[in-house]
Amino acid sequence: MQQNRNLRALLLTIALLLVVSVAFLYSVSRPHPRYAHSQVLHPPALSQVESSGSALTAEALMEGAVAGGRARGGGFGSSPAPSAPRPLPRSPSSGGYYPTPVPGPVFVPIPDYGYRPSPTVVVPVGGGGFDLGFVFILAIVGFALLPVVLNYVRAGSSGSSTAAAPAGSARELYNDIVTVSQIQIGLLAGARDLQRDLNALAKRTDWGNQESLSELLRETVLALLRSPEYWTHVRATSQTVKSREAGSRLFEQLSLAERSKLSAETLVNIGGRVRQQATSQPLDSDPVAYIVVTLLVGTADDRPLFSEIRSIEALAAALRRLGSLPPSYLLIYELLWAPQDESSSLSRDELVASYPDLMQI
């Protein structure tokens, strides 16, 4: 009778531990928002900064559509796998492989010619059967360690791909977290050399080479840094997402939004394939004219590349940050500029109509 009561108490305790374990596992398995790093910058719109006092007409909006240029290389793809382990050295005598010795304790067997009795396993018994107290202690220890072990296994399998890693670490490069950044600059149309430089960069055939992509971005940044006296407006965003699929969607949304502002793409380079068509835009007649250059990049960084940009100094620092990206971190790069024709530019009304989010600096 006493044994039956002990058995019932044990079963009730095990059931209670199961309920507590399931509740604990449910609480630790819920996603936590701290892995979604996002920083979206919303500078004051150009239409709000400029106090013209009158709304743009439909005719001005139609005039805002201009022909531009576009060049793109790279892609998000899948996260790179760590480098394969080095092969074991070959043994010169046997032709096989032997592992590299690892420092550690050395165990030397000592012969014992004496008689040693076989080990005896003692099972605690009581009242003619197994000790229920011993089984009860084992059950408590097992159920107490089960949530810890499962949580550790879950963190080891998924934590490396969804948790932000230290900046510059190998885990930051191999996980699925990516950052999509955009810098859009409005310049005075006097920067004709910049238009020529961008046209020359877009005609290069190494946009399909991932190793050359970092060099192309660096040359674009240098061309912009050489003409700070022409900078008039800026818009910048840098957003971090926890998967490459989400990064690819965000990148395409930003790219499509900028491409929709153009009436045509008269110079296009996608992965090294160049396509160009003749332009028929009129010559400039407005004394105040502009050029807009947009840099869109996707990187393996786990944090935004820059914060809010409201000055020429902050813009120069953000450009230098893009220009110093390691080649292994740069996943995709797209360059857009309007107008593409070196003899054309945007009027003030066209700038406000097509790029209302630009902020004057």
Protein backbone atom coordinates (compact mmCIF):
# COMPACT_ATOMS: atom_id res chain seq x y z
CA MET A 1 0.00 0.00 0.00
CA GLN A 2 2.83 2.37 0.95
CA GLN A 3 4.54 1.55 -2.36
CA ASN A 4 1.38 2.45 -4.34
CA ARG A 5 1.13 5.80 -2.56
CA ASN A 6 4.75 6.53 -3.38
CA LEU A 7 4.17 5.61 -7.01
CA ARG A 8 1.14 7.92 -7.26
CA ALA A 9 3.12 10.77 -5.70
CA LEU A 10 5.92 10.19 -8.19
CA LEU A 11 3.55 10.26 -11.16
CA LEU A 12 1.91 13.49 -9.94
CA THR A 13 5.32 15.11 -9.50
CA ILE A 14 6.43 14.05 -13.00
CA ALA A 15 3.19 15.45 -14.51
CA LEU A 16 3.74 18.77 -12.72
CA LEU A 17 7.31 18.96 -13.97
CA LEU A 18 6.13 18.27 -17.52
CA VAL A 19 3.65 21.17 -17.35
CA VAL A 20 6.33 23.53 -16.03
CA SER A 21 8.80 22.40 -18.71
CA VAL A 22 6.31 22.92 -21.53
CA ALA A 23 5.47 26.41 -20.25
CA PHE A 24 9.15 27.31 -20.02
CA LEU A 25 9.88 26.05 -23.53
CA TYR A 26 6.97 28.05 -24.91
CA SER A 27 8.21 31.23 -23.25
CA VAL A 28 11.78 30.89 -24.61
CA SER A 29 10.67 29.87 -28.11
CA ARG A 30 8.73 33.08 -28.83
CA PRO A 31 10.61 35.43 -31.19
CA HIS A 32 12.14 38.49 -29.64
CA PRO A 33 12.14 41.82 -31.45
CA ARG A 34 15.69 42.68 -30.45
CA TYR A 35 17.06 40.83 -33.50
CA ALA A 36 15.39 43.20 -35.93
CA HIS A 37 17.71 46.19 -36.23
CA SER A 38 16.18 48.90 -38.29
CA GLN A 39 16.91 52.53 -38.69
CA VAL A 40 14.89 54.55 -41.14
CA LEU A 41 15.73 58.18 -41.62
CA HIS A 42 12.97 60.55 -42.67
CA PRO A 43 14.51 63.96 -43.30
CA PRO A 44 12.25 66.92 -43.97
CA ALA A 45 10.88 66.85 -47.49
CA LEU A 46 12.17 69.28 -50.05
CA SER A 47 8.62 70.47 -50.62
CA GLN A 48 8.41 71.36 -46.91
CA VAL A 49 11.80 73.07 -46.75
CA GLU A 50 11.15 75.16 -49.83
CA SER A 51 8.46 77.71 -48.96
CA SER A 52 7.31 78.52 -52.45
CA GLY A 53 3.69 78.98 -51.29
CA SER A 54 2.17 77.32 -54.37
CA ALA A 55 1.55 73.70 -55.31
CA LEU A 56 3.09 72.14 -58.39
CA THR A 57 0.82 71.86 -61.37
CA ALA A 58 0.21 68.70 -63.31
CA GLU A 59 2.31 70.12 -66.12
CA ALA A 60 5.30 70.48 -63.80
CA LEU A 61 4.89 66.90 -62.63
CA MET A 62 4.95 65.67 -66.20
CA GLU A 63 8.07 67.69 -66.86
CA GLY A 64 9.72 66.03 -63.85
CA ALA A 65 10.11 62.74 -65.74
CA VAL A 66 13.60 62.74 -67.24
CA ALA A 67 15.84 60.11 -68.78
CA GLY A 68 18.50 58.68 -66.48
CA GLY A 69 21.24 56.09 -66.25
CA ARG A 70 21.46 52.90 -64.22
CA ALA A 71 24.16 50.33 -63.43
CA ARG A 72 23.95 47.33 -61.12
CA GLY A 73 26.14 44.45 -60.01
CA GLY A 74 26.10 41.69 -57.40
CA GLY A 75 23.22 40.13 -55.48
CA PHE A 76 22.18 38.92 -52.06
CA GLY A 77 22.13 35.20 -52.80
CA SER A 78 22.63 32.90 -49.82
CA SER A 79 24.86 33.45 -46.82
CA PRO A 80 28.46 32.38 -47.51
CA ALA A 81 29.55 29.18 -45.85
CA PRO A 82 32.64 29.16 -43.67
CA SER A 83 35.77 27.88 -45.38
CA ALA A 84 36.13 24.10 -45.51
CA PRO A 85 38.44 22.45 -42.95
CA ARG A 86 41.96 21.79 -44.08
CA PRO A 87 42.63 18.21 -45.23
CA LEU A 88 44.59 15.96 -42.91
CA PRO A 89 48.27 15.54 -43.85
CA ARG A 90 49.20 12.37 -45.66
CA SER A 91 51.42 9.86 -43.97
CA PRO A 92 54.51 9.23 -46.15
CA SER A 93 54.89 5.63 -44.99
CA SER A 94 51.39 4.17 -45.05
CA GLY A 95 49.80 6.44 -47.66
CA GLY A 96 46.92 7.19 -45.33
CA TYR A 97 45.97 10.22 -43.28
CA TYR A 98 46.76 10.94 -39.68
CA PRO A 99 45.40 13.76 -37.52
CA THR A 100 47.55 16.67 -36.43
CA PRO A 101 48.59 16.16 -32.79
CA VAL A 102 46.76 18.41 -30.35
CA PRO A 103 48.37 19.44 -27.05
CA GLY A 104 46.75 17.77 -24.07
CA PRO A 105 47.21 15.21 -21.33
CA VAL A 106 48.93 11.94 -22.23
CA PHE A 107 47.73 8.72 -20.62
CA VAL A 108 50.34 5.98 -20.27
CA PRO A 109 48.97 2.49 -19.48
CA ILE A 110 50.64 0.82 -16.49
CA PRO A 111 50.61 -2.98 -16.60
CA ASP A 112 49.11 -4.71 -13.59
CA TYR A 113 49.79 -8.42 -13.32
CA GLY A 114 47.88 -8.83 -10.08
CA TYR A 115 44.38 -10.07 -9.71
CA ARG A 116 41.69 -7.37 -9.97
CA PRO A 117 38.07 -8.34 -9.33
CA SER A 118 35.39 -7.31 -11.82
CA PRO A 119 33.44 -4.14 -10.88
CA THR A 120 30.21 -4.74 -9.08
CA VAL A 121 27.13 -2.63 -9.75
CA VAL A 122 25.09 -2.05 -6.64
CA VAL A 123 21.44 -1.21 -7.20
CA PRO A 124 19.79 0.48 -4.23
CA VAL A 125 16.82 -1.56 -3.08
CA GLY A 126 14.33 -1.16 -0.35
CA GLY A 127 11.41 -3.23 0.73
CA GLY A 128 12.22 -5.90 -1.88
CA GLY A 129 12.22 -3.49 -4.92
CA PHE A 130 13.82 -0.38 -6.42
CA ASP A 131 14.16 2.67 -4.20
CA LEU A 132 11.48 5.10 -5.33
CA GLY A 133 13.31 8.00 -3.71
CA PHE A 134 16.33 7.41 -5.94
CA VAL A 135 14.13 7.30 -9.06
CA PHE A 136 12.33 10.44 -7.89
CA ILE A 137 15.63 12.37 -7.60
CA LEU A 138 16.71 11.24 -11.09
CA ALA A 139 13.38 12.39 -12.55
CA ILE A 140 13.65 15.82 -10.94
CA VAL A 141 17.21 16.33 -12.21
CA GLY A 142 16.31 15.15 -15.72
CA PHE A 143 13.27 17.38 -16.13
CA ALA A 144 15.10 20.35 -14.63
CA LEU A 145 17.94 20.04 -17.17
CA LEU A 146 15.73 19.30 -20.20
CA PRO A 147 14.63 22.93 -20.91
CA VAL A 148 18.20 24.17 -20.52
CA VAL A 149 19.57 21.61 -22.97
CA LEU A 150 16.84 22.25 -25.56
CA ASN A 151 17.26 26.01 -25.30
CA TYR A 152 21.02 25.66 -25.77
CA VAL A 153 20.56 23.49 -28.85
CA ARG A 154 18.02 25.93 -30.31
CA ALA A 155 20.32 28.89 -29.70
CA GLY A 156 23.23 27.10 -31.31
CA SER A 157 21.29 26.20 -34.46
CA SER A 158 19.43 29.45 -35.12
CA GLY A 159 21.05 32.12 -32.98
CA SER A 160 24.08 32.43 -35.27
CA SER A 161 21.90 33.43 -38.23
CA THR A 162 19.44 35.79 -36.51
CA ALA A 163 21.43 37.50 -33.75
CA ALA A 164 23.58 40.51 -34.39
CA ALA A 165 27.27 39.64 -34.25
CA PRO A 166 30.12 41.92 -33.15
CA ALA A 167 31.17 44.37 -35.86
CA GLY A 168 33.95 43.00 -38.03
CA SER A 169 33.63 39.43 -36.76
CA ALA A 170 33.42 36.35 -38.96
CA ARG A 171 29.92 35.59 -37.66
CA GLU A 172 28.72 38.98 -38.91
CA LEU A 173 29.82 37.99 -42.41
CA TYR A 174 28.31 34.50 -42.33
CA ASN A 175 24.90 35.13 -40.72
CA ASP A 176 21.73 36.13 -42.58
CA ILE A 177 21.48 39.70 -41.26
CA VAL A 178 22.02 42.33 -43.97
CA THR A 179 21.83 46.11 -44.26
CA VAL A 180 20.35 48.10 -47.15
CA SER A 181 21.57 51.69 -47.43
CA GLN A 182 20.68 54.51 -49.80
CA ILE A 183 22.31 57.89 -50.31
CA GLN A 184 20.70 60.33 -52.73
CA ILE A 185 22.46 63.60 -53.51
CA GLY A 186 21.22 66.63 -55.39
CA LEU A 187 23.97 68.65 -57.08
CA LEU A 188 24.12 71.82 -59.11
CA ALA A 189 24.26 71.14 -62.83
CA GLY A 190 27.73 72.69 -62.97
CA ALA A 191 29.12 69.26 -62.01
CA ARG A 192 29.32 68.15 -65.66
CA ASP A 193 32.52 66.23 -64.98
CA LEU A 194 30.56 64.05 -62.55
CA GLN A 195 28.05 63.14 -65.25
CA ARG A 196 30.88 62.17 -67.59
CA ASP A 197 32.52 60.08 -64.86
CA LEU A 198 29.27 58.25 -64.11
CA ASN A 199 28.66 57.55 -67.80
CA ALA A 200 32.19 56.12 -68.08
CA LEU A 201 31.72 53.94 -64.99
CA ALA A 202 28.37 52.63 -66.26
CA LYS A 203 29.95 51.52 -69.55
CA ARG A 204 32.54 49.29 -67.89
CA THR A 205 32.08 45.56 -68.33
CA ASP A 206 33.27 44.44 -64.90
CA TRP A 207 29.94 45.09 -63.16
CA GLY A 208 29.38 41.34 -63.31
CA ASN A 209 32.59 40.67 -61.36
CA GLN A 210 31.95 40.56 -57.63
CA GLU A 211 35.59 41.39 -56.86
CA SER A 212 35.45 44.56 -58.98
CA LEU A 213 32.16 45.75 -57.46
CA SER A 214 33.90 47.30 -54.46
CA GLU A 215 36.25 49.20 -56.76
CA LEU A 216 33.32 50.57 -58.79
CA LEU A 217 31.61 51.79 -55.63
CA ARG A 218 34.85 53.36 -54.45
CA GLU A 219 35.33 55.22 -57.73
CA THR A 220 31.75 56.52 -57.57
CA VAL A 221 32.30 57.77 -54.04
CA LEU A 222 35.56 59.45 -55.05
CA ALA A 223 33.85 61.21 -57.95
CA LEU A 224 31.26 62.60 -55.53
CA LEU A 225 33.80 63.56 -52.87
CA ARG A 226 35.76 65.58 -55.44
CA SER A 227 32.84 67.98 -55.97
CA PRO A 228 31.42 68.95 -52.53
CA GLU A 229 30.94 72.55 -53.68
CA TYR A 230 28.04 71.34 -55.88
CA TRP A 231 26.15 69.47 -53.13
CA THR A 232 22.78 71.08 -52.39
CA HIS A 233 20.38 68.37 -51.18
CA VAL A 234 20.56 64.91 -49.61
CA ARG A 235 18.39 62.01 -48.53
CA ALA A 236 19.79 58.99 -46.65
CA THR A 237 18.40 55.75 -45.24
CA SER A 238 20.13 52.73 -43.71
CA GLN A 239 18.01 49.77 -42.60
CA THR A 240 19.08 46.43 -41.14
CA VAL A 241 16.91 43.33 -41.60
CA LYS A 242 17.38 39.83 -40.22
CA SER A 243 17.27 37.83 -43.48
CA ARG A 244 18.70 38.11 -46.97
CA GLU A 245 15.26 37.54 -48.47
CA ALA A 246 13.91 40.58 -46.61
CA GLY A 247 16.97 42.56 -47.68
CA SER A 248 16.44 41.63 -51.31
CA ARG A 249 12.79 42.73 -51.16
CA LEU A 250 13.71 46.03 -49.54
CA PHE A 251 16.45 46.67 -52.08
CA GLU A 252 14.12 46.04 -55.02
CA GLN A 253 11.44 48.29 -53.52
CA LEU A 254 13.88 51.18 -53.19
CA SER A 255 15.27 50.56 -56.67
CA LEU A 256 11.82 50.44 -58.27
CA ALA A 257 10.79 53.65 -56.49
CA GLU A 258 13.77 55.51 -57.97
CA ARG A 259 13.45 53.99 -61.44
CA SER A 260 9.78 54.99 -61.63
CA LYS A 261 10.84 58.66 -61.48
CA LEU A 262 12.58 58.34 -64.86
CA SER A 263 10.86 58.60 -68.22
CA ALA A 264 13.49 56.28 -69.73
CA GLU A 265 16.79 54.58 -68.92
CA THR A 266 19.05 55.62 -71.76
CA LEU A 267 22.19 53.90 -70.39
CA VAL A 268 21.85 50.59 -68.53
CA ASN A 269 24.50 48.15 -67.32
CA ILE A 270 23.29 45.02 -65.53
CA GLY A 271 26.03 42.61 -64.55
CA GLY A 272 28.36 43.86 -67.30
CA ARG A 273 25.78 43.86 -70.13
CA VAL A 274 25.55 47.41 -71.48
CA ARG A 275 22.53 48.81 -73.31
CA GLN A 276 22.40 52.38 -74.55
CA GLN A 277 19.92 54.40 -76.59
CA ALA A 278 19.96 57.88 -78.04
CA THR A 279 18.54 60.75 -76.02
CA SER A 280 16.39 63.60 -77.29
CA GLN A 281 16.20 65.94 -74.32
CA PRO A 282 16.30 69.71 -74.85
CA LEU A 283 19.26 71.80 -73.78
CA ASP A 284 19.20 73.62 -70.45
CA SER A 285 17.58 77.03 -70.31
CA ASP A 286 17.06 77.36 -66.54
CA PRO A 287 19.96 79.13 -64.81
CA VAL A 288 19.31 77.07 -61.64
CA ALA A 289 19.55 73.41 -62.66
CA TYR A 290 20.35 70.18 -60.82
CA ILE A 291 21.65 66.61 -61.13
CA VAL A 292 20.54 63.78 -58.81
CA VAL A 293 22.78 60.78 -58.01
CA THR A 294 21.53 57.77 -56.04
CA LEU A 295 23.73 55.08 -54.48
CA LEU A 296 21.94 51.92 -53.33
CA VAL A 297 24.00 49.22 -51.60
CA GLY A 298 23.35 45.96 -49.76
CA THR A 299 25.99 44.83 -47.28
CA ALA A 300 26.58 42.04 -44.76
CA ASP A 301 26.70 44.52 -41.86
CA ASP A 302 24.53 43.74 -38.83
CA ARG A 303 23.95 47.42 -38.05
CA PRO A 304 23.04 50.56 -40.04
CA LEU A 305 26.03 52.15 -41.75
CA PHE A 306 25.21 55.75 -40.86
CA SER A 307 22.78 57.88 -38.91
CA GLU A 308 20.84 60.96 -39.95
CA ILE A 309 22.53 63.24 -42.49
CA ARG A 310 21.82 66.97 -42.18
CA SER A 311 25.12 68.59 -43.12
CA ILE A 312 27.87 68.46 -45.70
CA GLU A 313 30.24 66.99 -43.11
CA ALA A 314 27.83 64.15 -42.28
CA LEU A 315 27.32 63.44 -45.98
CA ALA A 316 31.07 63.27 -46.59
CA ALA A 317 31.48 60.88 -43.63
CA ALA A 318 28.69 58.61 -44.94
CA LEU A 319 30.26 58.55 -48.41
CA ARG A 320 33.64 57.63 -46.94
CA ARG A 321 31.91 54.86 -44.98
CA LEU A 322 30.58 53.39 -48.24
CA GLY A 323 33.91 53.80 -49.98
CA SER A 324 35.75 51.89 -47.25
CA LEU A 325 33.49 48.81 -47.32
CA PRO A 326 35.51 45.56 -47.51
CA PRO A 327 34.87 43.62 -50.75
CA SER A 328 33.59 40.63 -48.76
CA TYR A 329 30.89 42.80 -47.11
CA LEU A 330 29.54 44.38 -50.32
CA LEU A 331 26.75 42.15 -51.67
CA ILE A 332 25.02 44.33 -54.27
CA TYR A 333 25.45 47.86 -55.61
CA GLU A 334 23.22 49.94 -57.88
CA LEU A 335 23.98 53.40 -59.24
CA LEU A 336 21.27 55.69 -60.65
CA TRP A 337 21.63 59.24 -61.88
CA ALA A 338 19.44 61.72 -63.69
CA PRO A 339 19.70 63.18 -66.21
CA GLN A 340 22.01 60.74 -67.97
CA ASP A 341 22.69 63.10 -70.89
CA GLU A 342 25.62 65.41 -70.10
CA SER A 343 23.90 68.33 -71.86
CA SER A 344 20.72 68.09 -69.75
CA SER A 345 19.75 68.81 -66.14
CA LEU A 346 16.74 69.13 -63.84
CA SER A 347 14.96 72.41 -63.29
CA ARG A 348 13.96 73.47 -59.80
CA ASP A 349 10.33 72.46 -60.39
CA GLU A 350 11.43 69.10 -61.79
CA LEU A 351 13.62 68.47 -58.76
CA VAL A 352 10.76 69.19 -56.36
CA ALA A 353 8.29 67.14 -58.40
CA SER A 354 10.44 64.02 -58.80
CA TYR A 355 12.43 64.11 -55.55
CA PRO A 356 10.22 65.72 -52.87
CA ASP A 357 12.03 63.95 -50.00
CA LEU A 358 15.39 65.61 -50.60
CA MET A 359 16.58 67.86 -47.78
CA GLN A 360 18.63 70.98 -48.40
CA ILE A 361 22.07 71.09 -46.79
